[in-house]
PDB file of N, CA and C in Angstrom:
ATOM      1  N   MET A   1      -7.739 -16.082 -14.186  1.00  0.00           N
ATOM      2  CA  MET A   1      -7.748 -16.284 -13.151  1.00  0.00           C
ATOM      3  C   MET A   1      -7.670 -17.770 -12.917  1.00  0.00           C
ATOM      4  N   SER A   2      -7.691 -18.311 -11.581  1.00  0.00           N
ATOM      5  CA  SER A   2      -8.121 -19.462 -10.602  1.00  0.00           C
ATOM      6  C   SER A   2      -8.237 -19.943  -9.848  1.00  0.00           C
ATOM      7  N   CYS A   3      -9.022 -20.726  -9.027  1.00  0.00           N
ATOM      8  CA  CYS A   3      -8.941 -21.128  -7.919  1.00  0.00           C
ATOM      9  C   CYS A   3      -8.673 -22.240  -7.394  1.00  0.00           C
ATOM     10  N   GLN A   4      -7.989 -22.632  -6.206  1.00  0.00           N
ATOM     11  CA  GLN A   4      -8.024 -24.081  -5.739  1.00  0.00           C
ATOM     12  C   GLN A   4      -8.807 -24.115  -4.216  1.00  0.00           C
ATOM     13  N   LEU A   5      -9.640 -24.665  -4.047  1.00  0.00           N
ATOM     14  CA  LEU A   5     -10.628 -25.194  -3.326  1.00  0.00           C
ATOM     15  C   LEU A   5      -9.653 -25.883  -1.746  1.00  0.00           C
ATOM     16  N   LYS A   6      -9.507 -25.127  -0.741  1.00  0.00           N
ATOM     17  CA  LYS A   6      -8.706 -25.908   0.584  1.00  0.00           C
ATOM     18  C   LYS A   6      -9.691 -25.727   1.634  1.00  0.00           C
ATOM     19  N   PHE A   7      -9.837 -26.637   2.509  1.00  0.00           N
ATOM     20  CA  PHE A   7     -10.638 -26.455   3.701  1.00  0.00           C
ATOM     21  C   PHE A   7      -9.723 -25.863   4.513  1.00  0.00           C
ATOM     22  N   LEU A   8     -10.163 -25.317   5.897  1.00  0.00           N
ATOM     23  CA  LEU A   8      -9.860 -24.372   6.993  1.00  0.00           C
ATOM     24  C   LEU A   8      -9.493 -25.612   7.694  1.00  0.00           C
ATOM     25  N   GLU A   9      -8.380 -25.543   8.836  1.00  0.00           N
ATOM     26  CA  GLU A   9      -8.593 -26.901   9.681  1.00  0.00           C
ATOM     27  C   GLU A   9      -9.584 -26.228  10.882  1.00  0.00           C
ATOM     28  N   GLY A  10      -8.993 -25.494  11.437  1.00  0.00           N
ATOM     29  CA  GLY A  10     -10.407 -24.586  12.673  1.00  0.00           C
ATOM     30  C   GLY A  10     -11.750 -24.712  12.338  1.00  0.00           C
ATOM     31  N   GLU A  11     -12.472 -25.098  13.933  1.00  0.00           N
ATOM     32  CA  GLU A  11     -13.985 -24.907  13.668  1.00  0.00           C
ATOM     33  C   GLU A  11     -14.368 -23.617  13.688  1.00  0.00           C
ATOM     34  N   GLY A  12     -13.289 -23.075  14.013  1.00  0.00           N
ATOM     35  CA  GLY A  12     -13.806 -21.299  13.683  1.00  0.00           C
ATOM     36  C   GLY A  12     -13.702 -21.108  12.508  1.00  0.00           C
ATOM     37  N   ASP A  13     -13.281 -21.648  11.902  1.00  0.00           N
ATOM     38  CA  ASP A  13     -13.179 -21.491  10.267  1.00  0.00           C
ATOM     39  C   ASP A  13     -14.579 -21.852   9.365  1.00  0.00           C
ATOM     40  N   ARG A  14     -14.910 -22.644   9.986  1.00  0.00           N
ATOM     41  CA  ARG A  14     -15.429 -22.989   8.744  1.00  0.00           C
ATOM     42  C   ARG A  14     -16.791 -22.508   7.801  1.00  0.00           C
ATOM     43  N   ASP A  15     -16.891 -21.126   8.203  1.00  0.00           N
ATOM     44  CA  ASP A  15     -17.645 -20.302   7.452  1.00  0.00           C
ATOM     45  C   ASP A  15     -16.853 -19.162   6.824  1.00  0.00           C
ATOM     46  N   LYS A  16     -15.456 -19.306   6.927  1.00  0.00           N
ATOM     47  CA  LYS A  16     -14.798 -18.219   6.440  1.00  0.00           C
ATOM     48  C   LYS A  16     -13.914 -18.515   5.273  1.00  0.00           C
ATOM     49  N   VAL A  17     -13.511 -17.688   4.184  1.00  0.00           N
ATOM     50  CA  VAL A  17     -13.182 -17.751   3.081  1.00  0.00           C
ATOM     51  C   VAL A  17     -12.111 -16.541   2.875  1.00  0.00           C
ATOM     52  N   VAL A  18     -10.730 -17.923   2.271  1.00  0.00           N
ATOM     53  CA  VAL A  18      -9.887 -16.782   1.965  1.00  0.00           C
ATOM     54  C   VAL A  18      -9.425 -17.139   1.085  1.00  0.00           C
ATOM     55  N   ILE A  19      -8.373 -16.121   0.343  1.00  0.00           N
ATOM     56  CA  ILE A  19      -8.202 -15.971  -1.205  1.00  0.00           C
ATOM     57  C   ILE A  19      -6.596 -15.510  -0.616  1.00  0.00           C
ATOM     58  N   TYR A  20      -6.332 -16.082  -1.387  1.00  0.00           N
ATOM     59  CA  TYR A  20      -4.237 -15.986  -1.409  1.00  0.00           C
ATOM     60  C   TYR A  20      -3.853 -16.090  -2.754  1.00  0.00           C
ATOM     61  N   ASP A  21      -2.644 -15.406  -3.200  1.00  0.00           N
ATOM     62  CA  ASP A  21      -1.880 -15.428  -3.766  1.00  0.00           C
ATOM     63  C   ASP A  21      -1.409 -16.698  -4.155  1.00  0.00           C
ATOM     64  N   GLU A  22      -0.342 -16.865  -5.355  1.00  0.00           N
ATOM     65  CA  GLU A  22       0.252 -18.567  -5.571  1.00  0.00           C
ATOM     66  C   GLU A  22       1.575 -18.146  -4.318  1.00  0.00           C
ATOM     67  N   ALA A  23       2.071 -17.187  -4.190  1.00  0.00           N
ATOM     68  CA  ALA A  23       3.166 -17.291  -2.824  1.00  0.00           C
ATOM     69  C   ALA A  23       2.233 -16.951  -1.603  1.00  0.00           C
ATOM     70  N   GLY A  24       1.241 -17.391  -1.618  1.00  0.00           N
ATOM     71  CA  GLY A  24       0.565 -17.655  -0.374  1.00  0.00           C
ATOM     72  C   GLY A  24       0.201 -16.187   0.851  1.00  0.00           C
ATOM     73  N   LYS A  25       0.524 -15.119  -0.201  1.00  0.00           N
ATOM     74  CA  LYS A  25       0.030 -13.491   0.646  1.00  0.00           C
ATOM     75  C   LYS A  25      -1.797 -13.895   0.539  1.00  0.00           C
ATOM     76  N   GLU A  26      -2.475 -13.356   1.902  1.00  0.00           N
ATOM     77  CA  GLU A  26      -3.684 -13.326   2.020  1.00  0.00           C
ATOM     78  C   GLU A  26      -3.884 -12.002   0.653  1.00  0.00           C
ATOM     79  N   LEU A  27      -5.165 -12.294  -0.111  1.00  0.00           N
ATOM     80  CA  LEU A  27      -5.737 -11.389  -0.847  1.00  0.00           C
ATOM     81  C   LEU A  27      -7.081 -10.597  -0.273  1.00  0.00           C
ATOM     82  N   ALA A  28      -7.843 -11.432  -0.031  1.00  0.00           N
ATOM     83  CA  ALA A  28      -8.991 -11.092   0.923  1.00  0.00           C
ATOM     84  C   ALA A  28      -9.361 -12.149   1.381  1.00  0.00           C
ATOM     85  N   ALA A  29     -10.257 -12.004   2.369  1.00  0.00           N
ATOM     86  CA  ALA A  29     -11.091 -12.819   3.874  1.00  0.00           C
ATOM     87  C   ALA A  29     -12.241 -12.176   4.026  1.00  0.00           C
ATOM     88  N   HIS A  30     -12.972 -12.960   4.349  1.00  0.00           N
ATOM     89  CA  HIS A  30     -14.297 -12.743   4.979  1.00  0.00           C
ATOM     90  C   HIS A  30     -15.048 -13.927   6.019  1.00  0.00           C
ATOM     91  N   ALA A  31     -15.034 -13.639   7.068  1.00  0.00           N
ATOM     92  CA  ALA A  31     -15.304 -14.322   7.708  1.00  0.00           C
ATOM     93  C   ALA A  31     -16.738 -15.061   7.713  1.00  0.00           C
ATOM     94  N   ASP A  32     -17.539 -14.783   6.885  1.00  0.00           N
ATOM     95  CA  ASP A  32     -19.058 -15.099   7.356  1.00  0.00           C
ATOM     96  C   ASP A  32     -19.670 -16.019   5.527  1.00  0.00           C
ATOM     97  N   MET A  33     -18.783 -16.358   4.890  1.00  0.00           N
ATOM     98  CA  MET A  33     -19.019 -16.157   3.738  1.00  0.00           C
ATOM     99  C   MET A  33     -20.083 -17.666   3.231  1.00  0.00           C
ATOM    100  N   GLN A  34     -19.714 -18.356   3.842  1.00  0.00           N
ATOM    101  CA  GLN A  34     -20.169 -20.062   3.445  1.00  0.00           C
ATOM    102  C   GLN A  34     -21.224 -19.805   3.838  1.00  0.00           C
ATOM    103  N   HIS A  35     -21.961 -21.125   3.499  1.00  0.00           N
ATOM    104  CA  HIS A  35     -23.528 -21.740   4.211  1.00  0.00           C
ATOM    105  C   HIS A  35     -24.704 -20.883   3.880  1.00  0.00           C
ATOM    106  N   ASN A  36     -25.923 -20.831   4.138  1.00  0.00           N
ATOM    107  CA  ASN A  36     -26.427 -20.178   4.114  1.00  0.00           C
ATOM    108  C   ASN A  36     -26.630 -18.803   5.288  1.00  0.00           C
ATOM    109  N   LYS A  37     -26.008 -18.652   5.981  1.00  0.00           N
ATOM    110  CA  LYS A  37     -26.091 -17.742   7.028  1.00  0.00           C
ATOM    111  C   LYS A  37     -26.459 -16.097   6.770  1.00  0.00           C
ATOM    112  N   ASN A  38     -25.292 -16.146   5.682  1.00  0.00           N
ATOM    113  CA  ASN A  38     -25.667 -14.620   4.959  1.00  0.00           C
ATOM    114  C   ASN A  38     -25.780 -14.992   3.628  1.00  0.00           C
ATOM    115  N   TYR A  39     -26.960 -15.710   3.650  1.00  0.00           N
ATOM    116  CA  TYR A  39     -27.366 -15.715   1.746  1.00  0.00           C
ATOM    117  C   TYR A  39     -27.821 -14.563   1.126  1.00  0.00           C
ATOM    118  N   GLY A  40     -28.352 -13.305   1.458  1.00  0.00           N
ATOM    119  CA  GLY A  40     -28.791 -12.646   1.498  1.00  0.00           C
ATOM    120  C   GLY A  40     -28.182 -11.339   1.186  1.00  0.00           C
ATOM    121  N   GLN A  41     -26.714 -11.146   1.695  1.00  0.00           N
ATOM    122  CA  GLN A  41     -25.962 -10.635   1.561  1.00  0.00           C
ATOM    123  C   GLN A  41     -24.612 -10.996  -0.026  1.00  0.00           C
ATOM    124  N   LEU A  42     -24.903 -12.315   0.011  1.00  0.00           N
ATOM    125  CA  LEU A  42     -23.656 -13.218  -1.004  1.00  0.00           C
ATOM    126  C   LEU A  42     -23.361 -12.344  -1.868  1.00  0.00           C
ATOM    127  N   ARG A  43     -23.916 -11.987  -2.763  1.00  0.00           N
ATOM    128  CA  ARG A  43     -23.774 -11.145  -3.904  1.00  0.00           C
ATOM    129  C   ARG A  43     -22.769  -9.997  -3.897  1.00  0.00           C
ATOM    130  N   GLN A  44     -23.234  -8.828  -2.692  1.00  0.00           N
ATOM    131  CA  GLN A  44     -22.474  -8.002  -1.763  1.00  0.00           C
ATOM    132  C   GLN A  44     -21.075  -8.754  -1.308  1.00  0.00           C
ATOM    133  N   ASN A  45     -20.808  -9.793  -0.600  1.00  0.00           N
ATOM    134  CA  ASN A  45     -19.836  -9.885  -0.132  1.00  0.00           C
ATOM    135  C   ASN A  45     -18.634 -10.493  -1.157  1.00  0.00           C
ATOM    136  N   ASN A  46     -19.625 -11.373  -2.181  1.00  0.00           N
ATOM    137  CA  ASN A  46     -18.397 -11.793  -3.806  1.00  0.00           C
ATOM    138  C   ASN A  46     -18.030 -10.875  -4.620  1.00  0.00           C
ATOM    139  N   ALA A  47     -19.115  -9.538  -4.107  1.00  0.00           N
ATOM    140  CA  ALA A  47     -18.160  -8.092  -4.723  1.00  0.00           C
ATOM    141  C   ALA A  47     -17.030  -8.096  -4.428  1.00  0.00           C
ATOM    142  N   ALA A  48     -17.971  -7.296  -3.128  1.00  0.00           N
ATOM    143  CA  ALA A  48     -16.408  -6.917  -2.062  1.00  0.00           C
ATOM    144  C   ALA A  48     -15.105  -7.656  -2.103  1.00  0.00           C
ATOM    145  N   MET A  49     -15.277  -8.815  -2.154  1.00  0.00           N
ATOM    146  CA  MET A  49     -13.791  -9.964  -1.705  1.00  0.00           C
ATOM    147  C   MET A  49     -13.442  -9.466  -3.296  1.00  0.00           C
ATOM    148  N   SER A  50     -14.228  -9.558  -4.446  1.00  0.00           N
ATOM    149  CA  SER A  50     -13.425  -9.369  -5.858  1.00  0.00           C
ATOM    150  C   SER A  50     -12.530  -8.056  -6.420  1.00  0.00           C
ATOM    151  N   GLN A  51     -13.212  -7.374  -5.586  1.00  0.00           N
ATOM    152  CA  GLN A  51     -12.992  -5.985  -5.750  1.00  0.00           C
ATOM    153  C   GLN A  51     -11.641  -5.679  -4.737  1.00  0.00           C
ATOM    154  N   LYS A  52     -11.830  -6.450  -3.535  1.00  0.00           N
ATOM    155  CA  LYS A  52     -10.191  -6.784  -2.930  1.00  0.00           C
ATOM    156  C   LYS A  52      -8.973  -7.451  -3.244  1.00  0.00           C
ATOM    157  N   VAL A  53      -9.399  -8.371  -4.064  1.00  0.00           N
ATOM    158  CA  VAL A  53      -8.230  -9.467  -5.145  1.00  0.00           C
ATOM    159  C   VAL A  53      -8.144  -8.403  -6.246  1.00  0.00           C
ATOM    160  N   LEU A  54      -8.540  -7.849  -7.095  1.00  0.00           N
ATOM    161  CA  LEU A  54      -7.950  -7.008  -7.893  1.00  0.00           C
ATOM    162  C   LEU A  54      -7.515  -5.900  -7.648  1.00  0.00           C
ATOM    163  N   ALA A  55      -7.682  -5.043  -7.013  1.00  0.00           N
ATOM    164  CA  ALA A  55      -6.979  -4.196  -5.839  1.00  0.00           C
ATOM    165  C   ALA A  55      -5.526  -4.752  -5.696  1.00  0.00           C
ATOM    166  N   ALA A  56      -5.413  -5.861  -5.060  1.00  0.00           N
ATOM    167  CA  ALA A  56      -3.883  -6.385  -4.795  1.00  0.00           C
ATOM    168  C   ALA A  56      -3.502  -6.754  -5.839  1.00  0.00           C
ATOM    169  N   LEU A  57      -4.301  -7.056  -6.701  1.00  0.00           N
ATOM    170  CA  LEU A  57      -3.173  -7.473  -8.246  1.00  0.00           C
ATOM    171  C   LEU A  57      -2.918  -6.529  -9.047  1.00  0.00           C
ATOM    172  N   GLY A  58      -3.702  -5.292  -8.666  1.00  0.00           N
ATOM    173  CA  GLY A  58      -3.006  -4.382  -9.354  1.00  0.00           C
ATOM    174  C   GLY A  58      -4.420  -4.373 -10.599  1.00  0.00           C
ATOM    175  N   LYS A  59      -4.959  -4.333 -10.798  1.00  0.00           N
ATOM    176  CA  LYS A  59      -5.965  -4.797 -11.674  1.00  0.00           C
ATOM    177  C   LYS A  59      -7.768  -3.724 -11.055  1.00  0.00           C
ATOM    178  N   SER A  60      -8.382  -3.512 -12.507  1.00  0.00           N
ATOM    179  CA  SER A  60      -9.507  -2.491 -12.510  1.00  0.00           C
ATOM    180  C   SER A  60     -10.517  -3.368 -12.734  1.00  0.00           C
ATOM    181  N   GLU A  61     -10.416  -4.461 -13.119  1.00  0.00           N
ATOM    182  CA  GLU A  61     -11.630  -5.529 -13.569  1.00  0.00           C
ATOM    183  C   GLU A  61     -11.323  -6.616 -14.396  1.00  0.00           C
ATOM    184  N   VAL A  62     -11.966  -7.502 -14.594  1.00  0.00           N
ATOM    185  CA  VAL A  62     -11.862  -8.608 -15.042  1.00  0.00           C
ATOM    186  C   VAL A  62     -12.837  -8.600 -16.201  1.00  0.00           C
ATOM    187  N   LYS A  63     -12.059  -9.214 -17.565  1.00  0.00           N
ATOM    188  CA  LYS A  63     -12.704  -9.788 -18.489  1.00  0.00           C
ATOM    189  C   LYS A  63     -13.168 -11.264 -18.897  1.00  0.00           C
ATOM    190  N   ALA A  64     -14.197 -11.506 -18.426  1.00  0.00           N
ATOM    191  CA  ALA A  64     -14.548 -12.566 -19.130  1.00  0.00           C
ATOM    192  C   ALA A  64     -14.553 -13.489 -20.133  1.00  0.00           C
ATOM    193  N   GLY A  65     -14.321 -15.016 -20.167  1.00  0.00           N
ATOM    194  CA  GLY A  65     -13.483 -15.321 -21.565  1.00  0.00           C
ATOM    195  C   GLY A  65     -13.563 -16.864 -21.404  1.00  0.00           C
TER     196      GLY A  65
END
């Protein structure tokens, strides 16, 4: 997998992270992912988003390589 960072335009979207597939379908999103606002939950939020992406792609795990 790979990703491309793209900043969202709206002021209300400044902390939001959205993951899309190559066709533009939203696979996962989190409204408060960026910056230090939810730093204590960063690991849990990342894990939850990763699981949503994997489920959307029909996969159960990622192998590091």
